[in-house]
Amino acid sequence: MAKASAFEQGLQILDAWDEVSVFHADDSFAELEELIRLENLRSVAVFTGRNSADSSGAWAKLLTSLRYGECAAVRFKDIPPEPDMDTVENMVQFLRQAEPDAVIALGGGSVLDAAKAAYIVFQTQMPLSECFGSDLVSKKFPGRKFKRIIAIPTTSGTGSEITQYSNIVNRINQVKQLISDPVLVPQAAGLNGQLTASMPRSVTLATGCDALAHLLEGWLNVTMDEGKAFINNAARVGVELVRDNLAKVLSDPDDLSARKAMQIASALGGLTIRNKSTGLPHLLSFSWFGRIEHGIAVARLLPAAWRYYVGRKEVTERTLEIGKVLGGTTVEAVINNYERVLELWQVPKLNSFAGLTTELLEQTCRSAGANRMKLELAPRPVPLEASENVLRDILSEAMKS
């Protein structure tokens, strides 16, 4: 019997993961209609970005499905690319007026993240500021079952349709803050490659890099390996899919089979970081919003962080496993091959972004070093007392390469 392709393996993995119902048929909207009927939904609030859901045709397709399901919809579309706390508060007020049976988030990762935050604040009446952190909602309401969003991603990168994360900008502190809580994991995710076809090349590239970073950062994270063979396999399959398909969609935006493969890879990346923490690249990039695309930042930070990680024997062994996908029989060869892939895709280098000033980088070292949990969960843990120097060395190398 022929071995299943990476695409087929990816679908099998997502089908086996029962925490989120993943709709991935060519007509995923028909599956959404069935969900609406099964749950007897009569009204939904739909959150979208300002323009992308219209230009991609996603809003029109969703509206048709809701009509077939005899479900009324109200829409909030004033969500910017970097939603902040004020945006989420406005969304909460919208939900209080609408009182919907369910919430659908239709858009990129920012839309999905903002919808998760708004829906949980609406249900708990907790101040948004008290939700930031790990499992704070779950701890305040132990055992309570909350309604969860239905996520329909129109980009292929964040994996937010699978994860328990919501990143929201705190304008006062000028940093993205994270809510991490199982209550945020979406109820269902609808994957439809056609919805991503209108992404500009720059967005396709940045989101694809984000997906690859999620997959590799999670796969490298040997600190959290116990009982995670299934997740490591998901990461491997996802890396194969990005390796084989991102270049295709960059050169031919209408290659729908490659678009679908990238959506599967993104969901596998979400599954990976749902179970294994991202590492230092994500930690270092939290305060860079508005200056550089997130996916570009983490992709370009990874090699320098990786070279730090391999000071741990287990990471060296994992790197050689990754070499079976990226190529290379030595640690440096594997990392070099990863960097060659970035060059092939024409990923901009960090030193080409004027906003990444010396002052910002120094601030990054200080603020990132305060995140003790993230330091401890890194593939090679960073001692708190050495964190500023370690992070400074990583940033220095990343800016030169």
Protein backbone atom coordinates (compact mmCIF):
# COMPACT_ATOMS: atom_id res chain seq x y z
CA MET A 1 0.00 0.00 0.00
CA ALA A 2 1.35 3.41 -0.99
CA LYS A 3 2.36 5.71 1.86
CA ALA A 4 -0.11 8.53 2.47
CA SER A 5 1.00 11.94 1.19
CA ALA A 6 1.84 14.71 3.63
CA PHE A 7 -1.51 16.31 2.73
CA GLU A 8 -3.41 13.11 3.50
CA GLN A 9 -1.45 12.62 6.71
CA GLY A 10 -2.27 16.19 7.74
CA LEU A 11 -5.99 15.62 7.29
CA GLN A 12 -5.80 12.36 9.26
CA ILE A 13 -4.05 14.14 12.13
CA LEU A 14 -6.63 16.93 12.26
CA ASP A 15 -9.49 14.42 12.10
CA ALA A 16 -7.97 12.52 15.02
CA TRP A 17 -7.76 15.68 17.14
CA ASP A 18 -11.17 15.90 18.81
CA GLU A 19 -10.78 19.17 20.70
CA VAL A 20 -11.81 21.18 17.62
CA SER A 21 -14.17 20.06 14.84
CA VAL A 22 -12.21 20.78 11.67
CA PHE A 23 -14.22 21.21 8.47
CA HIS A 24 -11.85 20.70 5.55
CA ALA A 25 -13.97 19.37 2.69
CA ASP A 26 -13.91 21.36 -0.54
CA ASP A 27 -17.33 22.69 0.44
CA SER A 28 -16.59 23.44 4.09
CA PHE A 29 -19.51 25.89 4.17
CA ALA A 30 -21.91 22.96 3.70
CA GLU A 31 -20.44 21.43 6.86
CA LEU A 32 -20.96 24.76 8.61
CA GLU A 33 -24.62 24.74 7.54
CA GLU A 34 -24.98 21.29 9.10
CA LEU A 35 -23.47 22.56 12.36
CA ILE A 36 -25.93 25.48 12.38
CA ARG A 37 -28.85 23.08 11.96
CA LEU A 38 -27.60 20.61 14.56
CA GLU A 39 -27.20 23.33 17.17
CA ASN A 40 -30.39 25.11 16.13
CA LEU A 41 -28.62 28.46 15.86
CA ARG A 42 -30.95 31.31 14.99
CA SER A 43 -28.60 34.28 15.29
CA VAL A 44 -24.85 34.73 15.05
CA ALA A 45 -22.48 37.63 15.48
CA VAL A 46 -19.83 37.65 12.77
CA PHE A 47 -16.49 39.39 13.31
CA THR A 48 -14.42 40.26 10.25
CA GLY A 49 -11.61 42.56 9.21
CA ARG A 50 -12.38 45.84 7.52
CA ASN A 51 -11.96 44.74 3.90
CA SER A 52 -10.47 41.28 3.40
CA ALA A 53 -13.65 39.25 3.99
CA ASP A 54 -15.39 41.24 1.26
CA SER A 55 -12.54 41.22 -1.27
CA SER A 56 -11.99 37.47 -0.86
CA GLY A 57 -15.70 36.70 -1.25
CA ALA A 58 -15.68 35.04 2.17
CA TRP A 59 -18.43 37.22 3.62
CA ALA A 60 -20.75 36.55 0.68
CA LYS A 61 -20.18 32.79 0.96
CA LEU A 62 -20.80 32.81 4.70
CA LEU A 63 -23.93 34.91 4.35
CA THR A 64 -25.34 32.44 1.82
CA SER A 65 -24.67 29.53 4.18
CA LEU A 66 -26.34 31.32 7.07
CA ARG A 67 -29.41 32.01 4.95
CA TYR A 68 -29.63 28.36 3.95
CA GLY A 69 -29.40 27.52 7.64
CA GLU A 70 -32.14 30.08 8.40
CA CYS A 71 -29.75 31.85 10.75
CA ALA A 72 -29.68 35.65 11.04
CA ALA A 73 -26.34 37.44 11.14
CA VAL A 74 -25.10 40.73 12.51
CA ARG A 75 -21.63 41.86 11.55
CA PHE A 76 -18.84 43.81 13.22
CA LYS A 77 -16.06 44.67 10.77
CA ASP A 78 -14.01 47.39 12.43
CA ILE A 79 -11.11 45.12 13.43
CA PRO A 80 -7.65 46.44 12.43
CA PRO A 81 -4.61 44.25 11.66
CA GLU A 82 -3.29 44.80 15.21
CA PRO A 83 -6.42 44.81 17.43
CA ASP A 84 -5.94 46.52 20.77
CA MET A 85 -7.84 46.51 24.04
CA ASP A 86 -10.18 49.29 22.85
CA THR A 87 -11.09 47.20 19.80
CA VAL A 88 -11.98 44.24 22.00
CA GLU A 89 -14.06 46.43 24.32
CA ASN A 90 -16.02 47.72 21.32
CA MET A 91 -16.62 44.13 20.23
CA VAL A 92 -17.88 43.24 23.70
CA GLN A 93 -20.37 46.12 23.58
CA PHE A 94 -21.51 44.87 20.17
CA LEU A 95 -22.14 41.40 21.63
CA ARG A 96 -24.10 42.85 24.53
CA GLN A 97 -26.43 44.57 22.08
CA ALA A 98 -26.71 41.58 19.72
CA GLU A 99 -26.95 38.75 22.30
CA PRO A 100 -26.24 36.11 19.61
CA ASP A 101 -26.56 32.35 19.88
CA ALA A 102 -23.00 31.97 18.61
CA VAL A 103 -19.97 33.88 17.34
CA ILE A 104 -18.22 33.34 14.02
CA ALA A 105 -14.79 34.86 13.37
CA LEU A 106 -14.06 35.21 9.66
CA GLY A 107 -10.61 36.56 8.86
CA GLY A 108 -6.93 36.37 9.68
CA GLY A 109 -5.37 35.61 13.02
CA SER A 110 -6.00 39.09 14.38
CA VAL A 111 -9.74 38.75 13.82
CA LEU A 112 -9.81 35.29 15.39
CA ASP A 113 -7.76 36.41 18.40
CA ALA A 114 -9.91 39.48 19.01
CA ALA A 115 -13.12 37.44 18.69
CA LYS A 116 -11.88 34.90 21.24
CA ALA A 117 -11.07 37.65 23.72
CA ALA A 118 -14.33 39.52 23.18
CA TYR A 119 -16.50 36.40 23.49
CA ILE A 120 -14.95 35.29 26.77
CA VAL A 121 -15.15 38.79 28.27
CA PHE A 122 -18.80 38.97 27.16
CA GLN A 123 -19.60 35.66 28.85
CA THR A 124 -17.65 36.16 32.07
CA GLN A 125 -18.01 39.95 32.44
CA MET A 126 -14.39 39.93 33.57
CA PRO A 127 -12.36 43.03 32.70
CA LEU A 128 -10.15 42.24 29.71
CA SER A 129 -7.09 43.29 31.71
CA GLU A 130 -7.79 40.48 34.20
CA CYS A 131 -7.83 37.83 31.46
CA PHE A 132 -4.21 38.28 30.36
CA GLY A 133 -2.01 35.44 31.55
CA SER A 134 -2.30 31.66 31.76
CA ASP A 135 -5.62 29.96 32.57
CA LEU A 136 -6.97 32.88 34.60
CA VAL A 137 -10.53 32.48 33.30
CA SER A 138 -10.50 28.73 33.92
CA LYS A 139 -9.25 29.27 37.45
CA LYS A 140 -11.94 31.83 38.22
CA PHE A 141 -14.72 29.64 36.80
CA PRO A 142 -13.60 26.04 37.47
CA GLY A 143 -15.65 23.49 35.59
CA ARG A 144 -17.80 26.04 33.76
CA LYS A 145 -18.44 25.32 30.08
CA PHE A 146 -18.23 28.42 27.92
CA LYS A 147 -19.41 28.88 24.37
CA ARG A 148 -16.51 28.98 21.94
CA ILE A 149 -16.13 30.73 18.61
CA ILE A 150 -16.49 29.15 15.20
CA ALA A 151 -13.31 30.10 13.33
CA ILE A 152 -13.03 30.50 9.57
CA PRO A 153 -9.47 31.60 8.75
CA THR A 154 -8.77 33.55 5.56
CA THR A 155 -4.99 33.41 6.01
CA SER A 156 -2.65 30.47 6.51
CA GLY A 157 -0.27 31.11 9.35
CA THR A 158 -1.38 31.89 12.88
CA GLY A 159 -3.14 28.62 13.63
CA SER A 160 -5.51 30.60 15.85
CA GLU A 161 -8.37 28.41 14.62
CA ILE A 162 -6.88 25.60 16.76
CA THR A 163 -5.20 27.33 19.68
CA GLN A 164 -6.05 28.63 23.14
CA TYR A 165 -4.20 31.90 22.52
CA SER A 166 -5.34 35.47 21.97
CA ASN A 167 -2.77 38.22 21.40
CA ILE A 168 -4.07 41.75 22.00
CA VAL A 169 -2.14 45.03 21.84
CA ASN A 170 -1.81 47.04 25.03
CA ARG A 171 -1.27 50.58 23.67
CA ILE A 172 -0.30 51.99 27.05
CA ASN A 173 2.54 49.51 27.55
CA GLN A 174 3.27 49.30 23.80
CA VAL A 175 3.34 45.52 23.83
CA LYS A 176 1.16 42.61 22.80
CA GLN A 177 -0.34 40.80 25.76
CA LEU A 178 -1.35 37.17 25.71
CA ILE A 179 -4.40 35.35 26.99
CA SER A 180 -3.70 31.62 27.17
CA ASP A 181 -6.65 29.55 28.34
CA PRO A 182 -8.36 26.34 27.17
CA VAL A 183 -11.70 28.17 27.17
CA LEU A 184 -10.50 30.08 24.09
CA VAL A 185 -9.98 27.02 21.90
CA PRO A 186 -12.54 27.35 19.04
CA GLN A 187 -15.46 24.97 18.84
CA ALA A 188 -14.99 24.44 15.11
CA ALA A 189 -12.64 25.53 12.34
CA GLY A 190 -13.63 25.79 8.69
CA LEU A 191 -10.69 25.44 6.28
CA ASN A 192 -11.29 26.60 2.72
CA GLY A 193 -8.22 27.27 0.58
CA GLN A 194 -10.18 29.45 -1.82
CA LEU A 195 -10.72 32.03 0.91
CA THR A 196 -6.96 32.65 1.11
CA ALA A 197 -6.42 33.19 -2.62
CA SER A 198 -6.89 36.97 -2.46
CA MET A 199 -4.06 37.47 0.04
CA PRO A 200 -1.34 39.78 -1.28
CA ARG A 201 2.06 38.14 -1.72
CA SER A 202 3.41 39.93 1.35
CA VAL A 203 0.66 38.50 3.56
CA THR A 204 1.02 35.02 2.02
CA LEU A 205 4.74 35.16 2.79
CA ALA A 206 4.45 36.51 6.34
CA THR A 207 1.70 34.10 7.36
CA GLY A 208 3.49 31.16 5.75
CA CYS A 209 6.63 32.04 7.70
CA ASP A 210 4.56 32.22 10.89
CA ALA A 211 3.19 28.72 10.26
CA LEU A 212 6.68 27.34 9.69
CA ALA A 213 7.97 29.02 12.85
CA HIS A 214 5.15 27.49 14.91
CA LEU A 215 5.88 24.05 13.53
CA LEU A 216 9.64 24.23 14.02
CA GLU A 217 9.58 25.98 17.40
CA GLY A 218 7.18 23.37 18.75
CA TRP A 219 9.05 20.46 17.19
CA LEU A 220 12.34 21.73 18.62
CA ASN A 221 10.87 22.13 22.09
CA VAL A 222 12.30 18.99 23.70
CA THR A 223 11.51 20.49 27.11
CA MET A 224 7.85 19.61 26.52
CA ASP A 225 8.30 16.27 24.72
CA GLU A 226 6.76 13.92 27.26
CA GLY A 227 3.78 12.15 25.71
CA LYS A 228 3.93 14.36 22.61
CA ALA A 229 4.96 11.93 19.85
CA PHE A 230 1.65 12.64 18.08
CA ILE A 231 2.34 16.39 18.18
CA ASN A 232 5.90 16.01 16.95
CA ASN A 233 4.59 13.99 14.02
CA ALA A 234 2.04 16.73 13.30
CA ALA A 235 4.89 19.24 13.25
CA ARG A 236 6.90 17.08 10.87
CA VAL A 237 4.00 16.77 8.44
CA GLY A 238 3.33 20.51 8.64
CA VAL A 239 6.94 21.38 7.86
CA GLU A 240 6.78 19.11 4.81
CA LEU A 241 3.63 20.89 3.63
CA VAL A 242 5.13 24.36 4.00
CA ARG A 243 8.37 23.24 2.36
CA ASP A 244 6.51 21.90 -0.66
CA ASN A 245 3.73 24.47 -1.05
CA LEU A 246 4.65 27.98 0.10
CA ALA A 247 6.85 28.63 -2.94
CA LYS A 248 3.97 27.45 -5.15
CA VAL A 249 1.44 29.93 -3.76
CA LEU A 250 4.01 32.73 -3.85
CA SER A 251 4.55 32.17 -7.57
CA ASP A 252 0.97 31.19 -8.44
CA PRO A 253 -1.62 32.71 -6.08
CA ASP A 254 -4.40 30.75 -7.81
CA ASP A 255 -2.93 27.32 -7.04
CA LEU A 256 -5.83 26.23 -4.84
CA SER A 257 -4.41 22.80 -4.00
CA ALA A 258 -1.27 24.47 -2.63
CA ARG A 259 -3.45 27.03 -0.81
CA LYS A 260 -5.36 24.20 0.87
CA ALA A 261 -2.11 22.49 1.81
CA MET A 262 -0.93 25.70 3.46
CA GLN A 263 -4.17 25.91 5.44
CA ILE A 264 -3.63 22.36 6.67
CA ALA A 265 -0.03 23.27 7.58
CA SER A 266 -1.24 26.33 9.48
CA ALA A 267 -3.75 24.26 11.44
CA LEU A 268 -1.04 21.70 12.22
CA GLY A 269 1.10 24.59 13.45
CA GLY A 270 -1.75 25.66 15.69
CA LEU A 271 -2.10 22.10 16.96
CA THR A 272 1.64 22.02 17.65
CA ILE A 273 1.76 25.21 19.71
CA ARG A 274 -1.51 24.25 21.41
CA ASN A 275 0.49 21.46 23.02
CA LYS A 276 4.12 22.64 22.98
CA SER A 277 5.16 26.20 23.69
CA THR A 278 6.82 28.43 21.14
CA GLY A 279 10.32 29.52 22.03
CA LEU A 280 12.58 32.54 22.11
CA PRO A 281 11.73 33.92 18.62
CA HIS A 282 8.13 34.49 19.68
CA LEU A 283 9.19 35.84 23.05
CA LEU A 284 11.57 38.35 21.49
CA SER A 285 9.10 39.61 18.88
CA PHE A 286 6.20 40.50 21.23
CA SER A 287 7.10 44.22 21.38
CA TRP A 288 7.84 44.60 17.66
CA PHE A 289 4.24 44.98 16.46
CA GLY A 290 3.70 47.72 13.91
CA ARG A 291 7.37 47.68 12.93
CA ILE A 292 7.66 44.31 11.20
CA GLU A 293 5.28 41.54 10.19
CA HIS A 294 5.14 38.98 12.97
CA GLY A 295 5.79 35.98 10.71
CA ILE A 296 8.86 37.62 9.18
CA ALA A 297 10.20 38.46 12.63
CA VAL A 298 9.92 34.97 14.09
CA ALA A 299 11.22 33.29 10.94
CA ARG A 300 14.33 35.45 10.89
CA LEU A 301 14.92 35.18 14.65
CA LEU A 302 14.77 31.39 14.60
CA PRO A 303 18.30 30.56 13.29
CA ALA A 304 20.08 32.55 16.01
CA ALA A 305 17.82 31.07 18.71
CA TRP A 306 18.30 27.60 17.21
CA ARG A 307 22.09 27.92 17.43
CA TYR A 308 21.66 28.72 21.11
CA TYR A 309 19.32 25.75 21.62
CA VAL A 310 21.77 23.19 20.21
CA GLY A 311 23.95 23.70 23.25
CA ARG A 312 21.61 21.05 24.66
CA LYS A 313 22.20 17.48 23.48
CA GLU A 314 18.51 16.66 23.02
CA VAL A 315 18.05 19.63 20.68
CA THR A 316 21.01 18.49 18.62
CA GLU A 317 19.34 15.11 18.18
CA ARG A 318 16.01 16.73 17.30
CA THR A 319 17.73 19.00 14.76
CA LEU A 320 19.09 15.95 12.94
CA GLU A 321 15.52 14.58 12.80
CA ILE A 322 14.39 17.87 11.25
CA GLY A 323 17.24 17.46 8.76
CA LYS A 324 15.34 14.52 7.26
CA VAL A 325 12.76 17.08 6.12
CA LEU A 326 14.83 20.21 5.53
CA GLY A 327 18.00 18.39 4.46
CA GLY A 328 21.37 18.23 6.21
CA THR A 329 23.26 15.64 8.22
CA THR A 330 24.90 18.06 10.66
CA VAL A 331 23.35 20.66 12.92
CA GLU A 332 24.82 23.60 11.05
CA ALA A 333 23.83 22.12 7.68
CA VAL A 334 20.19 21.82 8.82
CA ILE A 335 20.07 25.41 10.07
CA ASN A 336 21.81 26.61 6.91
CA ASN A 337 19.23 24.81 4.79
CA TYR A 338 16.47 26.52 6.74
CA GLU A 339 18.12 29.88 6.01
CA ARG A 340 18.42 28.98 2.31
CA VAL A 341 14.66 28.36 2.23
CA LEU A 342 14.08 31.88 3.61
CA GLU A 343 16.35 33.28 0.90
CA LEU A 344 14.50 31.29 -1.77
CA TRP A 345 11.22 32.81 -0.58
CA GLN A 346 12.83 36.29 -0.47
CA VAL A 347 12.06 36.79 3.21
CA PRO A 348 13.35 40.26 4.21
CA LYS A 349 16.20 40.36 6.73
CA LEU A 350 15.75 41.96 10.12
CA ASN A 351 18.33 44.66 9.45
CA SER A 352 16.19 45.97 6.60
CA PHE A 353 13.51 47.19 9.02
CA ALA A 354 14.28 50.71 10.22
CA GLY A 355 11.88 50.37 13.14
CA LEU A 356 14.09 47.78 14.82
CA THR A 357 16.29 50.37 16.47
CA THR A 358 19.13 49.77 18.91
CA GLU A 359 16.95 51.21 21.66
CA LEU A 360 14.08 48.85 20.86
CA LEU A 361 16.37 45.82 20.79
CA GLU A 362 17.81 46.73 24.18
CA GLN A 363 14.29 47.20 25.56
CA THR A 364 13.39 43.82 24.08
CA CYS A 365 16.17 42.11 26.02
CA ARG A 366 15.01 43.65 29.28
CA SER A 367 11.27 43.08 28.85
CA ALA A 368 11.55 39.59 27.36
CA GLY A 369 13.88 38.59 30.15
CA ALA A 370 11.10 39.26 32.64
CA ASN A 371 8.99 36.44 31.16
CA ARG A 372 10.31 33.70 33.41
CA MET A 373 7.91 30.99 32.26
CA LYS A 374 8.82 31.44 28.60
CA LEU A 375 12.53 31.35 29.47
CA GLU A 376 12.09 28.13 31.43
CA LEU A 377 10.05 26.46 28.66
CA ALA A 378 12.57 27.22 25.90
CA PRO A 379 14.13 24.16 24.20
CA ARG A 380 17.30 25.10 26.05
CA PRO A 381 16.10 26.89 29.19
CA VAL A 382 17.52 30.36 29.81
CA PRO A 383 18.59 31.13 33.41
CA LEU A 384 16.81 34.27 34.57
CA GLU A 385 20.01 35.88 35.83
CA ALA A 386 21.67 35.37 32.42
CA SER A 387 18.64 36.16 30.29
CA GLU A 388 19.54 39.68 29.17
CA ASN A 389 22.96 38.61 27.95
CA VAL A 390 21.67 35.46 26.24
CA LEU A 391 18.87 37.35 24.50
CA ARG A 392 21.21 40.17 23.54
CA ASP A 393 23.57 37.68 21.88
CA ILE A 394 20.70 36.08 19.97
CA LEU A 395 19.40 39.44 18.76
CA SER A 396 22.90 40.56 17.76
CA GLU A 397 23.43 37.45 15.63
CA ALA A 398 19.94 37.66 14.12
CA MET A 399 20.44 41.31 13.10
CA LYS A 400 23.73 40.49 11.36
CA SER A 401 22.53 37.53 9.35
